[in-house]
Amino acid sequence: MAKIAAIGPKEAVLAFKALGLEVVPVATPSEAARAVHELAESGAAVIFITEREAGQIEETISRYKTSPTPAIIPIPGAEGALGLGMAAVRKNVEKAVGADILFDERER
């Protein structure tokens, strides 16, 4: 079975352990970057990472964007959604279609 993991502050990711995910609590951007690399090298198929941490290690995450695995998915943290995940969807749709067809100017 493919490994699925969650990276972020302890209070934001601990509940994922009950679902059978590997949980990697981190406190700094360097810990988050190291966790992404280690999970990728160990064969993780999906890595959930809190938006705040994902925003702090964009360069690390971009290294894996062209690889089929791991899929690195930003999730809201304890402070709520920051919009990073939706911004990535918007950017990918705009790149594929050539225009932002998901949202009008009022929703930005």
PDB file of N, CA and C in Angstrom:
ATOM      1  N   MET A   1       0.838  -1.180   0.000  1.00  0.00           N
ATOM      2  CA  MET A   1       0.000   0.000   0.000  1.00  0.00           C
ATOM      3  C   MET A   1       0.879   1.239   0.000  1.00  0.00           C
ATOM      4  N   ALA A   2       0.485   2.248  -0.754  1.00  0.00           N
ATOM      5  CA  ALA A   2       1.256   3.483  -0.862  1.00  0.00           C
ATOM      6  C   ALA A   2       1.196   4.262   0.445  1.00  0.00           C
ATOM      7  N   LYS A   3       2.319   4.900   0.748  1.00  0.00           N
ATOM      8  CA  LYS A   3       2.396   5.688   1.969  1.00  0.00           C
ATOM      9  C   LYS A   3       1.775   7.063   1.735  1.00  0.00           C
ATOM     10  N   ILE A   4       0.983   7.509   2.702  1.00  0.00           N
ATOM     11  CA  ILE A   4       0.393   8.843   2.701  1.00  0.00           C
ATOM     12  C   ILE A   4       0.812   9.504   4.002  1.00  0.00           C
ATOM     13  N   ALA A   5       1.230  10.773   3.918  1.00  0.00           N
ATOM     14  CA  ALA A   5       1.748  11.452   5.097  1.00  0.00           C
ATOM     15  C   ALA A   5       1.172  12.860   5.209  1.00  0.00           C
ATOM     16  N   ALA A   6       1.290  13.427   6.407  1.00  0.00           N
ATOM     17  CA  ALA A   6       0.863  14.797   6.674  1.00  0.00           C
ATOM     18  C   ALA A   6       1.990  15.520   7.401  1.00  0.00           C
ATOM     19  N   ILE A   7       2.303  16.733   6.921  1.00  0.00           N
ATOM     20  CA  ILE A   7       3.373  17.548   7.501  1.00  0.00           C
ATOM     21  C   ILE A   7       2.768  18.868   7.965  1.00  0.00           C
ATOM     22  N   GLY A   8       3.152  19.293   9.163  1.00  0.00           N
ATOM     23  CA  GLY A   8       2.696  20.584   9.672  1.00  0.00           C
ATOM     24  C   GLY A   8       2.878  20.654  11.173  1.00  0.00           C
ATOM     25  N   PRO A   9       2.395  21.735  11.779  1.00  0.00           N
ATOM     26  CA  PRO A   9       2.462  21.836  13.237  1.00  0.00           C
ATOM     27  C   PRO A   9       1.695  20.675  13.876  1.00  0.00           C
ATOM     28  N   LYS A  10       2.171  20.249  15.013  1.00  0.00           N
ATOM     29  CA  LYS A  10       1.596  19.079  15.686  1.00  0.00           C
ATOM     30  C   LYS A  10       0.085  19.184  15.837  1.00  0.00           C
ATOM     31  N   GLU A  11      -0.423  20.346  16.267  1.00  0.00           N
ATOM     32  CA  GLU A  11      -1.866  20.485  16.500  1.00  0.00           C
ATOM     33  C   GLU A  11      -2.681  20.414  15.204  1.00  0.00           C
ATOM     34  N   ALA A  12      -2.043  20.666  14.074  1.00  0.00           N
ATOM     35  CA  ALA A  12      -2.761  20.649  12.801  1.00  0.00           C
ATOM     36  C   ALA A  12      -2.766  19.274  12.145  1.00  0.00           C
ATOM     37  N   VAL A  13      -1.769  18.445  12.415  1.00  0.00           N
ATOM     38  CA  VAL A  13      -1.656  17.174  11.699  1.00  0.00           C
ATOM     39  C   VAL A  13      -1.867  15.925  12.548  1.00  0.00           C
ATOM     40  N   LEU A  14      -1.919  16.072  13.846  1.00  0.00           N
ATOM     41  CA  LEU A  14      -2.027  14.906  14.724  1.00  0.00           C
ATOM     42  C   LEU A  14      -3.267  14.059  14.440  1.00  0.00           C
ATOM     43  N   ALA A  15      -4.375  14.692  14.085  1.00  0.00           N
ATOM     44  CA  ALA A  15      -5.609  13.948  13.815  1.00  0.00           C
ATOM     45  C   ALA A  15      -5.466  12.997  12.623  1.00  0.00           C
ATOM     46  N   PHE A  16      -4.549  13.285  11.702  1.00  0.00           N
ATOM     47  CA  PHE A  16      -4.351  12.420  10.545  1.00  0.00           C
ATOM     48  C   PHE A  16      -3.808  11.050  10.946  1.00  0.00           C
ATOM     49  N   LYS A  17      -3.179  10.984  12.108  1.00  0.00           N
ATOM     50  CA  LYS A  17      -2.642   9.709  12.596  1.00  0.00           C
ATOM     51  C   LYS A  17      -3.767   8.704  12.820  1.00  0.00           C
ATOM     52  N   ALA A  18      -4.912   9.195  13.271  1.00  0.00           N
ATOM     53  CA  ALA A  18      -6.066   8.316  13.501  1.00  0.00           C
ATOM     54  C   ALA A  18      -6.584   7.706  12.202  1.00  0.00           C
ATOM     55  N   LEU A  19      -6.285   8.364  11.084  1.00  0.00           N
ATOM     56  CA  LEU A  19      -6.709   7.860   9.778  1.00  0.00           C
ATOM     57  C   LEU A  19      -5.682   6.927   9.154  1.00  0.00           C
ATOM     58  N   GLY A  20      -4.576   6.692   9.860  1.00  0.00           N
ATOM     59  CA  GLY A  20      -3.550   5.787   9.376  1.00  0.00           C
ATOM     60  C   GLY A  20      -2.452   6.451   8.565  1.00  0.00           C
ATOM     61  N   LEU A  21      -2.429   7.775   8.516  1.00  0.00           N
ATOM     62  CA  LEU A  21      -1.376   8.482   7.797  1.00  0.00           C
ATOM     63  C   LEU A  21      -0.143   8.594   8.662  1.00  0.00           C
ATOM     64  N   GLU A  22       1.001   8.677   8.012  1.00  0.00           N
ATOM     65  CA  GLU A  22       2.229   8.978   8.741  1.00  0.00           C
ATOM     66  C   GLU A  22       2.211  10.472   9.042  1.00  0.00           C
ATOM     67  N   VAL A  23       2.439  10.844  10.276  1.00  0.00           N
ATOM     68  CA  VAL A  23       2.389  12.242  10.690  1.00  0.00           C
ATOM     69  C   VAL A  23       3.793  12.718  11.013  1.00  0.00           C
ATOM     70  N   VAL A  24       4.169  13.878  10.422  1.00  0.00           N
ATOM     71  CA  VAL A  24       5.475  14.461  10.676  1.00  0.00           C
ATOM     72  C   VAL A  24       5.272  15.880  11.195  1.00  0.00           C
ATOM     73  N   PRO A  25       5.268  16.045  12.526  1.00  0.00           N
ATOM     74  CA  PRO A  25       5.130  17.395  13.081  1.00  0.00           C
ATOM     75  C   PRO A  25       6.408  18.195  12.837  1.00  0.00           C
ATOM     76  N   VAL A  26       6.248  19.449  12.407  1.00  0.00           N
ATOM     77  CA  VAL A  26       7.403  20.314  12.166  1.00  0.00           C
ATOM     78  C   VAL A  26       7.164  21.671  12.810  1.00  0.00           C
ATOM     79  N   ALA A  27       8.259  22.351  13.137  1.00  0.00           N
ATOM     80  CA  ALA A  27       8.162  23.671  13.764  1.00  0.00           C
ATOM     81  C   ALA A  27       8.850  24.756  12.944  1.00  0.00           C
ATOM     82  N   THR A  28       9.716  24.365  11.991  1.00  0.00           N
ATOM     83  CA  THR A  28      10.457  25.346  11.201  1.00  0.00           C
ATOM     84  C   THR A  28      10.386  24.995   9.724  1.00  0.00           C
ATOM     85  N   PRO A  29      10.634  25.965   8.856  1.00  0.00           N
ATOM     86  CA  PRO A  29      10.664  25.672   7.422  1.00  0.00           C
ATOM     87  C   PRO A  29      11.721  24.624   7.048  1.00  0.00           C
ATOM     88  N   SER A  30      12.874  24.659   7.693  1.00  0.00           N
ATOM     89  CA  SER A  30      13.907  23.668   7.367  1.00  0.00           C
ATOM     90  C   SER A  30      13.463  22.261   7.747  1.00  0.00           C
ATOM     91  N   GLU A  31      12.737  22.110   8.850  1.00  0.00           N
ATOM     92  CA  GLU A  31      12.202  20.797   9.226  1.00  0.00           C
ATOM     93  C   GLU A  31      11.173  20.341   8.197  1.00  0.00           C
ATOM     94  N   ALA A  32      10.345  21.257   7.718  1.00  0.00           N
ATOM     95  CA  ALA A  32       9.328  20.912   6.723  1.00  0.00           C
ATOM     96  C   ALA A  32       9.986  20.472   5.419  1.00  0.00           C
ATOM     97  N   ALA A  33      10.992  21.201   4.972  1.00  0.00           N
ATOM     98  CA  ALA A  33      11.697  20.848   3.730  1.00  0.00           C
ATOM     99  C   ALA A  33      12.355  19.476   3.863  1.00  0.00           C
ATOM    100  N   ARG A  34      13.008  19.252   4.986  1.00  0.00           N
ATOM    101  CA  ARG A  34      13.660  17.961   5.222  1.00  0.00           C
ATOM    102  C   ARG A  34      12.631  16.834   5.236  1.00  0.00           C
ATOM    103  N   ALA A  35      11.471  17.071   5.862  1.00  0.00           N
ATOM    104  CA  ALA A  35      10.422  16.056   5.918  1.00  0.00           C
ATOM    105  C   ALA A  35       9.906  15.719   4.519  1.00  0.00           C
ATOM    106  N   VAL A  36       9.715  16.727   3.674  1.00  0.00           N
ATOM    107  CA  VAL A  36       9.258  16.478   2.301  1.00  0.00           C
ATOM    108  C   VAL A  36      10.270  15.603   1.574  1.00  0.00           C
ATOM    109  N   HIS A  37      11.557  15.958   1.656  1.00  0.00           N
ATOM    110  CA  HIS A  37      12.600  15.178   0.975  1.00  0.00           C
ATOM    111  C   HIS A  37      12.638  13.739   1.484  1.00  0.00           C
ATOM    112  N   GLU A  38      12.598  13.563   2.799  1.00  0.00           N
ATOM    113  CA  GLU A  38      12.679  12.217   3.374  1.00  0.00           C
ATOM    114  C   GLU A  38      11.472  11.378   2.979  1.00  0.00           C
ATOM    115  N   LEU A  39      10.285  11.972   3.008  1.00  0.00           N
ATOM    116  CA  LEU A  39       9.087  11.230   2.622  1.00  0.00           C
ATOM    117  C   LEU A  39       9.116  10.869   1.140  1.00  0.00           C
ATOM    118  N   ALA A  40       9.570  11.791   0.309  1.00  0.00           N
ATOM    119  CA  ALA A  40       9.670  11.513  -1.125  1.00  0.00           C
ATOM    120  C   ALA A  40      10.652  10.376  -1.388  1.00  0.00           C
ATOM    121  N   GLU A  41      11.797  10.410  -0.719  1.00  0.00           N
ATOM    122  CA  GLU A  41      12.805   9.369  -0.901  1.00  0.00           C
ATOM    123  C   GLU A  41      12.335   8.018  -0.383  1.00  0.00           C
ATOM    124  N   SER A  42      11.458   8.018   0.623  1.00  0.00           N
ATOM    125  CA  SER A  42      10.978   6.751   1.183  1.00  0.00           C
ATOM    126  C   SER A  42       9.778   6.198   0.415  1.00  0.00           C
ATOM    127  N   GLY A  43       9.374   6.889  -0.646  1.00  0.00           N
ATOM    128  CA  GLY A  43       8.318   6.359  -1.500  1.00  0.00           C
ATOM    129  C   GLY A  43       6.909   6.820  -1.187  1.00  0.00           C
ATOM    130  N   ALA A  44       6.765   7.919  -0.469  1.00  0.00           N
ATOM    131  CA  ALA A  44       5.422   8.422  -0.175  1.00  0.00           C
ATOM    132  C   ALA A  44       4.723   8.793  -1.485  1.00  0.00           C
ATOM    133  N   ALA A  45       3.475   8.392  -1.620  1.00  0.00           N
ATOM    134  CA  ALA A  45       2.701   8.703  -2.827  1.00  0.00           C
ATOM    135  C   ALA A  45       2.001  10.045  -2.703  1.00  0.00           C
ATOM    136  N   VAL A  46       1.523  10.366  -1.501  1.00  0.00           N
ATOM    137  CA  VAL A  46       0.799  11.609  -1.258  1.00  0.00           C
ATOM    138  C   VAL A  46       1.333  12.233   0.023  1.00  0.00           C
ATOM    139  N   ILE A  47       1.606  13.547  -0.049  1.00  0.00           N
ATOM    140  CA  ILE A  47       2.032  14.288   1.132  1.00  0.00           C
ATOM    141  C   ILE A  47       1.092  15.475   1.295  1.00  0.00           C
ATOM    142  N   PHE A  48       0.358  15.493   2.385  1.00  0.00           N
ATOM    143  CA  PHE A  48      -0.450  16.657   2.745  1.00  0.00           C
ATOM    144  C   PHE A  48       0.443  17.556   3.581  1.00  0.00           C
ATOM    145  N   ILE A  49       0.437  18.850   3.294  1.00  0.00           N
ATOM    146  CA  ILE A  49       1.246  19.796   4.048  1.00  0.00           C
ATOM    147  C   ILE A  49       0.410  21.041   4.307  1.00  0.00           C
ATOM    148  N   THR A  50       0.481  21.555   5.522  1.00  0.00           N
ATOM    149  CA  THR A  50      -0.321  22.735   5.841  1.00  0.00           C
ATOM    150  C   THR A  50       0.117  23.900   4.955  1.00  0.00           C
ATOM    151  N   GLU A  51      -0.839  24.755   4.622  1.00  0.00           N
ATOM    152  CA  GLU A  51      -0.579  25.859   3.697  1.00  0.00           C
ATOM    153  C   GLU A  51       0.551  26.768   4.167  1.00  0.00           C
ATOM    154  N   ARG A  52       0.594  27.062   5.449  1.00  0.00           N
ATOM    155  CA  ARG A  52       1.646  27.947   5.958  1.00  0.00           C
ATOM    156  C   ARG A  52       3.019  27.356   5.691  1.00  0.00           C
ATOM    157  N   GLU A  53       3.187  26.082   5.999  1.00  0.00           N
ATOM    158  CA  GLU A  53       4.475  25.427   5.769  1.00  0.00           C
ATOM    159  C   GLU A  53       4.772  25.317   4.277  1.00  0.00           C
ATOM    160  N   ALA A  54       3.761  25.008   3.474  1.00  0.00           N
ATOM    161  CA  ALA A  54       3.965  24.918   2.028  1.00  0.00           C
ATOM    162  C   ALA A  54       4.428  26.256   1.462  1.00  0.00           C
ATOM    163  N   GLY A  55       3.854  27.338   1.949  1.00  0.00           N
ATOM    164  CA  GLY A  55       4.251  28.661   1.499  1.00  0.00           C
ATOM    165  C   GLY A  55       5.676  29.017   1.868  1.00  0.00           C
ATOM    166  N   GLN A  56       6.183  28.417   2.921  1.00  0.00           N
ATOM    167  CA  GLN A  56       7.544  28.705   3.381  1.00  0.00           C
ATOM    168  C   GLN A  56       8.604  27.876   2.661  1.00  0.00           C
ATOM    169  N   ILE A  57       8.177  26.806   1.975  1.00  0.00           N
ATOM    170  CA  ILE A  57       9.148  25.939   1.290  1.00  0.00           C
ATOM    171  C   ILE A  57       8.744  25.715  -0.162  1.00  0.00           C
ATOM    172  N   GLU A  58       8.294  26.764  -0.831  1.00  0.00           N
ATOM    173  CA  GLU A  58       7.846  26.650  -2.220  1.00  0.00           C
ATOM    174  C   GLU A  58       8.922  26.081  -3.132  1.00  0.00           C
ATOM    175  N   GLU A  59      10.177  26.454  -2.906  1.00  0.00           N
ATOM    176  CA  GLU A  59      11.270  25.951  -3.748  1.00  0.00           C
ATOM    177  C   GLU A  59      11.412  24.436  -3.618  1.00  0.00           C
ATOM    178  N   THR A  60      11.304  23.937  -2.411  1.00  0.00           N
ATOM    179  CA  THR A  60      11.388  22.491  -2.180  1.00  0.00           C
ATOM    180  C   THR A  60      10.238  21.774  -2.875  1.00  0.00           C
ATOM    181  N   ILE A  61       9.035  22.287  -2.718  1.00  0.00           N
ATOM    182  CA  ILE A  61       7.858  21.660  -3.310  1.00  0.00           C
ATOM    183  C   ILE A  61       7.939  21.680  -4.834  1.00  0.00           C
ATOM    184  N   SER A  62       8.468  22.755  -5.401  1.00  0.00           N
ATOM    185  CA  SER A  62       8.541  22.861  -6.860  1.00  0.00           C
ATOM    186  C   SER A  62       9.436  21.788  -7.470  1.00  0.00           C
ATOM    187  N   ARG A  63      10.368  21.255  -6.709  1.00  0.00           N
ATOM    188  CA  ARG A  63      11.231  20.166  -7.206  1.00  0.00           C
ATOM    189  C   ARG A  63      10.435  18.914  -7.543  1.00  0.00           C
ATOM    190  N   TYR A  64       9.276  18.749  -6.928  1.00  0.00           N
ATOM    191  CA  TYR A  64       8.493  17.532  -7.117  1.00  0.00           C
ATOM    192  C   TYR A  64       7.274  17.736  -8.023  1.00  0.00           C
ATOM    193  N   LYS A  65       7.069  18.934  -8.555  1.00  0.00           N
ATOM    194  CA  LYS A  65       5.888  19.221  -9.369  1.00  0.00           C
ATOM    195  C   LYS A  65       5.841  18.406 -10.653  1.00  0.00           C
ATOM    196  N   THR A  66       6.979  18.085 -11.237  1.00  0.00           N
ATOM    197  CA  THR A  66       6.987  17.334 -12.489  1.00  0.00           C
ATOM    198  C   THR A  66       7.075  15.825 -12.275  1.00  0.00           C
ATOM    199  N   SER A  67       7.237  15.392 -11.053  1.00  0.00           N
ATOM    200  CA  SER A  67       7.292  13.959 -10.745  1.00  0.00           C
ATOM    201  C   SER A  67       5.886  13.428 -10.499  1.00  0.00           C
ATOM    202  N   PRO A  68       5.616  12.207 -10.920  1.00  0.00           N
ATOM    203  CA  PRO A  68       4.286  11.644 -10.658  1.00  0.00           C
ATOM    204  C   PRO A  68       4.011  11.431  -9.165  1.00  0.00           C
ATOM    205  N   THR A  69       5.062  11.151  -8.410  1.00  0.00           N
ATOM    206  CA  THR A  69       4.935  11.028  -6.963  1.00  0.00           C
ATOM    207  C   THR A  69       6.117  11.715  -6.312  1.00  0.00           C
ATOM    208  N   PRO A  70       5.954  12.275  -5.181  1.00  0.00           N
ATOM    209  CA  PRO A  70       4.715  12.352  -4.412  1.00  0.00           C
ATOM    210  C   PRO A  70       3.836  13.502  -4.895  1.00  0.00           C
ATOM    211  N   ALA A  71       2.539  13.332  -4.724  1.00  0.00           N
ATOM    212  CA  ALA A  71       1.611  14.441  -4.919  1.00  0.00           C
ATOM    213  C   ALA A  71       1.632  15.239  -3.627  1.00  0.00           C
ATOM    214  N   ILE A  72       2.011  16.504  -3.712  1.00  0.00           N
ATOM    215  CA  ILE A  72       2.103  17.352  -2.517  1.00  0.00           C
ATOM    216  C   ILE A  72       0.904  18.282  -2.519  1.00  0.00           C
ATOM    217  N   ILE A  73       0.048  18.115  -1.516  1.00  0.00           N
ATOM    218  CA  ILE A  73      -1.243  18.797  -1.478  1.00  0.00           C
ATOM    219  C   ILE A  73      -1.317  19.716  -0.265  1.00  0.00           C
ATOM    220  N   PRO A  74      -1.428  21.034  -0.500  1.00  0.00           N
ATOM    221  CA  PRO A  74      -1.590  21.966   0.621  1.00  0.00           C
ATOM    222  C   PRO A  74      -2.975  21.826   1.251  1.00  0.00           C
ATOM    223  N   ILE A  75      -3.004  21.853   2.566  1.00  0.00           N
ATOM    224  CA  ILE A  75      -4.267  21.774   3.305  1.00  0.00           C
ATOM    225  C   ILE A  75      -4.325  22.918   4.309  1.00  0.00           C
ATOM    226  N   PRO A  76      -5.513  23.349   4.701  1.00  0.00           N
ATOM    227  CA  PRO A  76      -5.595  24.397   5.732  1.00  0.00           C
ATOM    228  C   PRO A  76      -4.987  23.911   7.040  1.00  0.00           C
ATOM    229  N   GLY A  77      -4.383  24.817   7.758  1.00  0.00           N
ATOM    230  CA  GLY A  77      -3.819  24.504   9.066  1.00  0.00           C
ATOM    231  C   GLY A  77      -4.787  24.894  10.157  1.00  0.00           C
ATOM    232  N   ALA A  78      -4.292  24.960  11.373  1.00  0.00           N
ATOM    233  CA  ALA A  78      -5.128  25.302  12.519  1.00  0.00           C
ATOM    234  C   ALA A  78      -5.686  26.716  12.410  1.00  0.00           C
ATOM    235  N   GLU A  79      -4.978  27.606  11.686  1.00  0.00           N
ATOM    236  CA  GLU A  79      -5.437  28.985  11.544  1.00  0.00           C
ATOM    237  C   GLU A  79      -6.462  29.164  10.421  1.00  0.00           C
ATOM    238  N   GLY A  80      -6.777  28.087   9.720  1.00  0.00           N
ATOM    239  CA  GLY A  80      -7.750  28.154   8.632  1.00  0.00           C
ATOM    240  C   GLY A  80      -7.074  28.234   7.283  1.00  0.00           C
ATOM    241  N   ALA A  81      -7.871  28.339   6.235  1.00  0.00           N
ATOM    242  CA  ALA A  81      -7.351  28.362   4.874  1.00  0.00           C
ATOM    243  C   ALA A  81      -6.694  29.697   4.560  1.00  0.00           C
ATOM    244  N   LEU A  82      -5.557  29.637   3.891  1.00  0.00           N
ATOM    245  CA  LEU A  82      -4.846  30.828   3.464  1.00  0.00           C
ATOM    246  C   LEU A  82      -5.016  31.086   1.967  1.00  0.00           C
ATOM    247  N   GLY A  83      -5.647  30.162   1.255  1.00  0.00           N
ATOM    248  CA  GLY A  83      -5.896  30.342  -0.172  1.00  0.00           C
ATOM    249  C   GLY A  83      -4.787  29.831  -1.073  1.00  0.00           C
ATOM    250  N   LEU A  84      -3.748  29.214  -0.520  1.00  0.00           N
ATOM    251  CA  LEU A  84      -2.631  28.727  -1.319  1.00  0.00           C
ATOM    252  C   LEU A  84      -3.059  27.622  -2.276  1.00  0.00           C
ATOM    253  N   GLY A  85      -3.872  26.701  -1.792  1.00  0.00           N
ATOM    254  CA  GLY A  85      -4.334  25.603  -2.634  1.00  0.00           C
ATOM    255  C   GLY A  85      -5.165  26.100  -3.801  1.00  0.00           C
ATOM    256  N   MET A  86      -6.090  27.020  -3.555  1.00  0.00           N
ATOM    257  CA  MET A  86      -6.930  27.556  -4.616  1.00  0.00           C
ATOM    258  C   MET A  86      -6.102  28.371  -5.605  1.00  0.00           C
ATOM    259  N   ALA A  87      -5.095  29.078  -5.126  1.00  0.00           N
ATOM    260  CA  ALA A  87      -4.225  29.850  -6.020  1.00  0.00           C
ATOM    261  C   ALA A  87      -3.476  28.919  -6.970  1.00  0.00           C
ATOM    262  N   ALA A  88      -3.047  27.765  -6.469  1.00  0.00           N
ATOM    263  CA  ALA A  88      -2.355  26.793  -7.323  1.00  0.00           C
ATOM    264  C   ALA A  88      -3.289  26.229  -8.383  1.00  0.00           C
ATOM    265  N   VAL A  89      -4.537  25.931  -7.994  1.00  0.00           N
ATOM    266  CA  VAL A  89      -5.522  25.437  -8.966  1.00  0.00           C
ATOM    267  C   VAL A  89      -5.752  26.490 -10.040  1.00  0.00           C
ATOM    268  N   ARG A  90      -5.956  27.734  -9.626  1.00  0.00           N
ATOM    269  CA  ARG A  90      -6.191  28.827 -10.578  1.00  0.00           C
ATOM    270  C   ARG A  90      -5.018  28.948 -11.557  1.00  0.00           C
ATOM    271  N   LYS A  91      -3.803  28.896 -11.039  1.00  0.00           N
ATOM    272  CA  LYS A  91      -2.609  29.037 -11.882  1.00  0.00           C
ATOM    273  C   LYS A  91      -2.518  27.897 -12.899  1.00  0.00           C
ATOM    274  N   ASN A  92      -2.777  26.669 -12.465  1.00  0.00           N
ATOM    275  CA  ASN A  92      -2.702  25.521 -13.374  1.00  0.00           C
ATOM    276  C   ASN A  92      -3.780  25.564 -14.440  1.00  0.00           C
ATOM    277  N   VAL A  93      -4.991  25.974 -14.072  1.00  0.00           N
ATOM    278  CA  VAL A  93      -6.071  26.084 -15.056  1.00  0.00           C
ATOM    279  C   VAL A  93      -5.741  27.181 -16.060  1.00  0.00           C
ATOM    280  N   GLU A  94      -5.236  28.303 -15.582  1.00  0.00           N
ATOM    281  CA  GLU A  94      -4.887  29.402 -16.474  1.00  0.00           C
ATOM    282  C   GLU A  94      -3.779  28.985 -17.443  1.00  0.00           C
ATOM    283  N   LYS A  95      -2.810  28.210 -16.954  1.00  0.00           N
ATOM    284  CA  LYS A  95      -1.737  27.737 -17.819  1.00  0.00           C
ATOM    285  C   LYS A  95      -2.280  26.780 -18.879  1.00  0.00           C
ATOM    286  N   ALA A  96      -3.193  25.898 -18.495  1.00  0.00           N
ATOM    287  CA  ALA A  96      -3.731  24.907 -19.424  1.00  0.00           C
ATOM    288  C   ALA A  96      -4.674  25.517 -20.451  1.00  0.00           C
ATOM    289  N   VAL A  97      -5.504  26.462 -20.028  1.00  0.00           N
ATOM    290  CA  VAL A  97      -6.546  27.007 -20.888  1.00  0.00           C
ATOM    291  C   VAL A  97      -6.116  28.315 -21.544  1.00  0.00           C
ATOM    292  N   GLY A  98      -5.233  29.043 -20.890  1.00  0.00           N
ATOM    293  CA  GLY A  98      -4.798  30.327 -21.415  1.00  0.00           C
ATOM    294  C   GLY A  98      -5.534  31.508 -20.819  1.00  0.00           C
ATOM    295  N   ALA A  99      -6.488  31.240 -19.940  1.00  0.00           N
ATOM    296  CA  ALA A  99      -7.245  32.310 -19.289  1.00  0.00           C
ATOM    297  C   ALA A  99      -7.811  31.771 -17.981  1.00  0.00           C
ATOM    298  N   ASP A 100      -8.079  32.679 -17.065  1.00  0.00           N
ATOM    299  CA  ASP A 100      -8.685  32.295 -15.788  1.00  0.00           C
ATOM    300  C   ASP A 100     -10.181  32.134 -15.998  1.00  0.00           C
ATOM    301  N   ILE A 101     -10.634  30.888 -16.128  1.00  0.00           N
ATOM    302  CA  ILE A 101     -12.056  30.628 -16.375  1.00  0.00           C
ATOM    303  C   ILE A 101     -12.812  30.253 -15.105  1.00  0.00           C
ATOM    304  N   LEU A 102     -12.106  30.139 -13.994  1.00  0.00           N
ATOM    305  CA  LEU A 102     -12.740  29.702 -12.755  1.00  0.00           C
ATOM    306  C   LEU A 102     -13.362  30.833 -11.955  1.00  0.00           C
ATOM    307  N   PHE A 103     -12.748  32.006 -11.988  1.00  0.00           N
ATOM    308  CA  PHE A 103     -13.168  33.085 -11.109  1.00  0.00           C
ATOM    309  C   PHE A 103     -13.247  34.385 -11.887  1.00  0.00           C
ATOM    310  N   ASP A 104     -14.158  35.254 -11.493  1.00  0.00           N
ATOM    311  CA  ASP A 104     -14.129  36.587 -12.062  1.00  0.00           C
ATOM    312  C   ASP A 104     -13.363  37.511 -11.130  1.00  0.00           C
ATOM    313  N   GLU A 105     -13.135  38.728 -11.537  1.00  0.00           N
ATOM    314  CA  GLU A 105     -12.303  39.661 -10.776  1.00  0.00           C
ATOM    315  C   GLU A 105     -12.801  39.906  -9.357  1.00  0.00           C
ATOM    316  N   ARG A 106     -14.122  39.848  -9.127  1.00  0.00           N
ATOM    317  CA  ARG A 106     -14.677  40.122  -7.790  1.00  0.00           C
ATOM    318  C   ARG A 106     -14.290  39.052  -6.788  1.00  0.00           C
ATOM    319  N   GLU A 107     -13.970  37.833  -7.231  1.00  0.00           N
ATOM    320  CA  GLU A 107     -13.688  36.718  -6.324  1.00  0.00           C
ATOM    321  C   GLU A 107     -12.223  36.623  -5.968  1.00  0.00           C
ATOM    322  N   ARG A 108     -11.377  37.469  -6.484  1.00  0.00           N
ATOM    323  CA  ARG A 108      -9.931  37.385  -6.209  1.00  0.00           C
ATOM    324  C   ARG A 108      -9.555  38.049  -4.948  1.00  0.00           C
TER     325      ARG A 108
END
